[in-house]
N, C-alpha and C. Protein backbone atom coordinates (compact mmCIF):
# COMPACT_ATOMS: atom_id res chain seq x y z
N MET A 1 26.41 -35.01 23.96
CA MET A 1 27.68 -33.95 24.41
C MET A 1 28.91 -34.78 23.15
N LYS A 2 29.15 -33.78 22.39
CA LYS A 2 30.01 -34.08 21.07
C LYS A 2 31.37 -33.95 21.74
N GLU A 3 32.33 -34.65 20.89
CA GLU A 3 34.08 -34.97 21.51
C GLU A 3 34.59 -33.46 20.90
N ALA A 4 35.51 -33.52 21.69
CA ALA A 4 36.33 -32.44 21.05
C ALA A 4 37.06 -32.88 19.48
N ARG A 5 36.91 -31.97 18.75
CA ARG A 5 37.94 -32.20 17.15
C ARG A 5 39.38 -31.88 17.85
N GLN A 6 40.41 -33.20 17.26
CA GLN A 6 42.05 -32.49 17.08
C GLN A 6 42.01 -32.14 15.48
N ARG A 7 43.00 -31.35 15.24
CA ARG A 7 43.78 -31.23 14.10
C ARG A 7 45.20 -30.51 14.18
N ILE A 8 45.79 -30.85 13.60
CA ILE A 8 47.21 -30.17 13.12
C ILE A 8 47.30 -28.92 12.28
N ILE A 9 47.54 -28.21 12.81
CA ILE A 9 47.96 -26.59 11.77
C ILE A 9 49.10 -26.85 11.49
N MET A 10 49.73 -26.80 9.98
CA MET A 10 50.72 -25.78 9.40
C MET A 10 50.73 -25.60 8.07
N PRO A 11 51.35 -24.67 7.89
CA PRO A 11 51.23 -24.11 6.42
C PRO A 11 51.74 -25.24 5.79
N LEU A 12 50.47 -24.77 4.38
CA LEU A 12 50.89 -25.48 3.05
C LEU A 12 52.09 -25.97 2.66
N SER A 13 52.94 -25.60 2.59
CA SER A 13 54.42 -25.84 2.33
C SER A 13 54.74 -27.19 3.23
N GLY A 14 54.64 -26.81 4.09
CA GLY A 14 55.01 -28.11 5.56
C GLY A 14 53.81 -29.40 5.03
N ARG A 15 52.95 -29.42 4.73
CA ARG A 15 52.28 -30.38 4.62
C ARG A 15 52.69 -31.16 3.12
N LEU A 16 53.12 -30.00 2.12
CA LEU A 16 53.32 -30.62 1.06
C LEU A 16 54.79 -30.99 0.93
N ARG A 17 55.61 -31.24 1.87
CA ARG A 17 57.18 -31.54 2.29
C ARG A 17 56.60 -32.81 2.80
N LEU A 18 55.96 -32.75 3.71
CA LEU A 18 55.39 -34.20 4.40
C LEU A 18 54.59 -35.35 3.25
N ALA A 19 53.98 -34.58 2.04
CA ALA A 19 53.68 -35.79 1.15
C ALA A 19 54.71 -36.07 0.43
N LEU A 20 55.63 -35.27 0.19
CA LEU A 20 57.16 -35.90 -0.78
C LEU A 20 57.78 -36.30 -0.05
N ASP A 21 58.05 -36.24 1.21
CA ASP A 21 59.15 -37.00 2.12
C ASP A 21 58.47 -38.23 2.20
N PHE A 22 56.98 -38.94 2.71
CA PHE A 22 56.30 -39.96 2.88
C PHE A 22 56.04 -40.78 1.79
N GLU A 23 56.18 -40.31 0.05
CA GLU A 23 55.90 -40.53 -1.22
C GLU A 23 53.88 -41.03 -0.90
N VAL A 24 53.31 -39.89 -0.34
CA VAL A 24 52.12 -39.70 -0.42
C VAL A 24 51.39 -38.97 -0.97
N THR A 25 49.88 -38.97 -0.87
CA THR A 25 48.95 -37.89 -1.57
C THR A 25 48.74 -36.25 -0.39
N PRO A 26 48.69 -35.45 -1.39
CA PRO A 26 48.52 -34.43 -0.30
C PRO A 26 47.30 -34.60 0.70
N ARG A 27 46.02 -35.39 -0.63
CA ARG A 27 45.27 -36.14 0.38
C ARG A 27 45.29 -37.21 1.83
N MET A 28 46.04 -37.71 1.81
CA MET A 28 46.36 -38.41 2.45
C MET A 28 47.00 -37.80 4.08
N VAL A 29 48.18 -37.07 3.68
CA VAL A 29 48.78 -35.74 4.53
C VAL A 29 47.37 -35.47 5.20
N TYR A 30 46.31 -34.69 4.56
CA TYR A 30 45.14 -34.25 5.13
C TYR A 30 44.31 -34.70 5.82
N LYS A 31 44.15 -35.79 5.74
CA LYS A 31 43.49 -36.51 6.53
C LYS A 31 44.28 -37.02 7.82
N ALA A 32 45.55 -37.48 7.52
CA ALA A 32 46.18 -37.80 8.87
C ALA A 32 46.38 -36.78 9.90
N LEU A 33 46.41 -35.17 9.20
CA LEU A 33 46.47 -34.05 10.03
C LEU A 33 45.18 -33.80 11.06
N ASN A 34 43.64 -34.16 10.23
CA ASN A 34 42.58 -33.75 10.68
C ASN A 34 42.11 -35.35 11.57
N PHE A 35 42.97 -36.23 11.63
CA PHE A 35 43.02 -37.14 12.53
C PHE A 35 41.33 -37.68 11.83
N GLU A 36 41.66 -38.02 10.75
CA GLU A 36 40.40 -38.63 10.07
C GLU A 36 41.03 -39.97 9.69
N GLY A 37 42.16 -40.35 9.97
CA GLY A 37 42.71 -41.69 10.13
C GLY A 37 43.39 -42.33 11.13
N HIS A 38 43.53 -43.25 11.65
CA HIS A 38 44.61 -43.84 12.56
C HIS A 38 45.67 -45.23 12.24
N SER A 39 46.15 -45.16 11.04
CA SER A 39 47.04 -46.14 10.51
C SER A 39 48.45 -45.45 11.13
N ASP A 40 49.05 -46.47 11.12
CA ASP A 40 50.48 -46.35 11.58
C ASP A 40 51.09 -45.44 10.68
N LEU A 41 51.01 -45.16 9.35
CA LEU A 41 51.28 -44.08 8.60
C LEU A 41 50.41 -42.63 9.10
N ALA A 42 49.47 -42.67 9.32
CA ALA A 42 48.73 -41.67 9.67
C ALA A 42 49.78 -41.18 10.91
N LYS A 43 49.72 -41.83 12.09
CA LYS A 43 50.42 -41.41 13.30
C LYS A 43 51.79 -40.96 13.00
N ARG A 44 52.56 -42.01 11.90
CA ARG A 44 53.86 -41.15 11.79
C ARG A 44 53.87 -39.63 11.19
N LEU A 45 52.87 -39.36 10.26
CA LEU A 45 52.73 -38.09 9.21
C LEU A 45 52.45 -36.89 10.66
N ARG A 46 51.14 -37.64 11.44
CA ARG A 46 51.40 -36.46 13.02
C ARG A 46 52.55 -36.34 13.35
N ALA A 47 53.10 -37.06 13.85
CA ALA A 47 54.49 -37.06 14.33
C ALA A 47 55.38 -35.84 13.81
N ALA A 48 55.75 -36.33 12.72
CA ALA A 48 56.58 -35.91 11.88
C ALA A 48 56.28 -34.44 11.71
N ALA A 49 54.87 -33.67 11.42
CA ALA A 49 53.97 -32.49 11.44
C ALA A 49 54.27 -31.94 12.75
N LEU A 50 54.21 -32.08 13.67
CA LEU A 50 54.60 -31.83 15.44
C LEU A 50 56.10 -31.44 15.34
N GLU A 51 56.53 -32.07 14.74
CA GLU A 51 58.58 -31.99 15.02
C GLU A 51 58.87 -30.72 14.05
N ARG A 52 58.29 -30.86 13.04
CA ARG A 52 58.31 -29.88 11.87
C ARG A 52 57.65 -28.26 12.30
N GLY A 53 56.91 -28.29 13.06
CA GLY A 53 56.49 -27.14 13.62
C GLY A 53 54.98 -27.23 13.69
N GLY A 54 54.52 -28.12 13.33
CA GLY A 54 52.75 -28.08 13.08
C GLY A 54 52.47 -27.56 14.44
N GLN A 55 51.07 -27.21 14.66
CA GLN A 55 50.50 -26.75 16.13
C GLN A 55 48.94 -27.68 16.15
N LEU A 56 49.00 -28.45 17.59
CA LEU A 56 48.02 -29.20 18.09
C LEU A 56 47.05 -28.42 18.03
N TYR A 57 45.83 -28.19 17.62
CA TYR A 57 44.78 -27.62 17.72
C TYR A 57 43.48 -28.30 18.18
N GLU A 58 42.75 -27.78 19.49
CA GLU A 58 41.41 -28.84 19.82
C GLU A 58 40.63 -28.14 19.82
N ALA A 59 39.79 -28.55 18.85
CA ALA A 59 38.20 -27.58 19.08
C ALA A 59 37.13 -28.00 19.82
N VAL A 60 36.86 -27.32 20.52
CA VAL A 60 36.02 -27.71 21.60
C VAL A 60 34.35 -26.71 21.16
N PRO A 61 33.63 -28.08 21.35
CA PRO A 61 32.00 -27.42 20.86
C PRO A 61 31.38 -26.33 21.63
N ALA A 62 30.82 -25.59 20.70
CA ALA A 62 30.48 -24.61 21.81
C ALA A 62 29.62 -24.58 23.16
N ALA A 63 28.79 -25.76 23.08
CA ALA A 63 28.45 -25.86 24.55
C ALA A 63 29.25 -26.49 25.72
N GLU A 64 30.16 -26.91 25.54
CA GLU A 64 30.95 -27.14 26.13
C GLU A 64 32.25 -26.13 26.78
N ARG A 65 32.32 -24.67 25.77
CA ARG A 65 32.96 -23.50 26.10
C ARG A 65 31.70 -22.49 27.25
N GLY A 66 30.71 -23.13 27.63
CA GLY A 66 29.86 -22.80 28.22
C GLY A 66 28.90 -21.39 28.03
N GLN A 67 28.86 -21.41 26.63
CA GLN A 67 28.15 -20.63 25.88
C GLN A 67 26.72 -21.36 25.98
N LYS A 68 25.70 -20.60 26.21
CA LYS A 68 24.36 -21.21 26.64
C LYS A 68 24.04 -21.15 24.57
N ASN A 69 22.57 -22.23 24.54
CA ASN A 69 22.04 -22.19 23.35
C ASN A 69 20.99 -20.99 23.54
N ILE A 70 20.41 -20.77 22.43
CA ILE A 70 19.38 -19.83 22.56
C ILE A 70 18.22 -20.48 21.62
N ASP A 71 17.54 -20.75 22.25
CA ASP A 71 15.97 -21.67 22.00
C ASP A 71 15.26 -20.77 21.30
């Protein structure tokens, strides 16, 4: 069984503002908001994104949504 994937969705302008405010690259913001990193900086970026209107999104694999696999 696959684990649900989380990400934080926010407009490009918000992501770029985070990069400027934290003095990091847009790639670092991308990785943090897609939960690809778990450093203290990534956690602070995620917290700031949620404070600034970002929405937490959790993608659930199809098998867990009750959809049947077609063989």
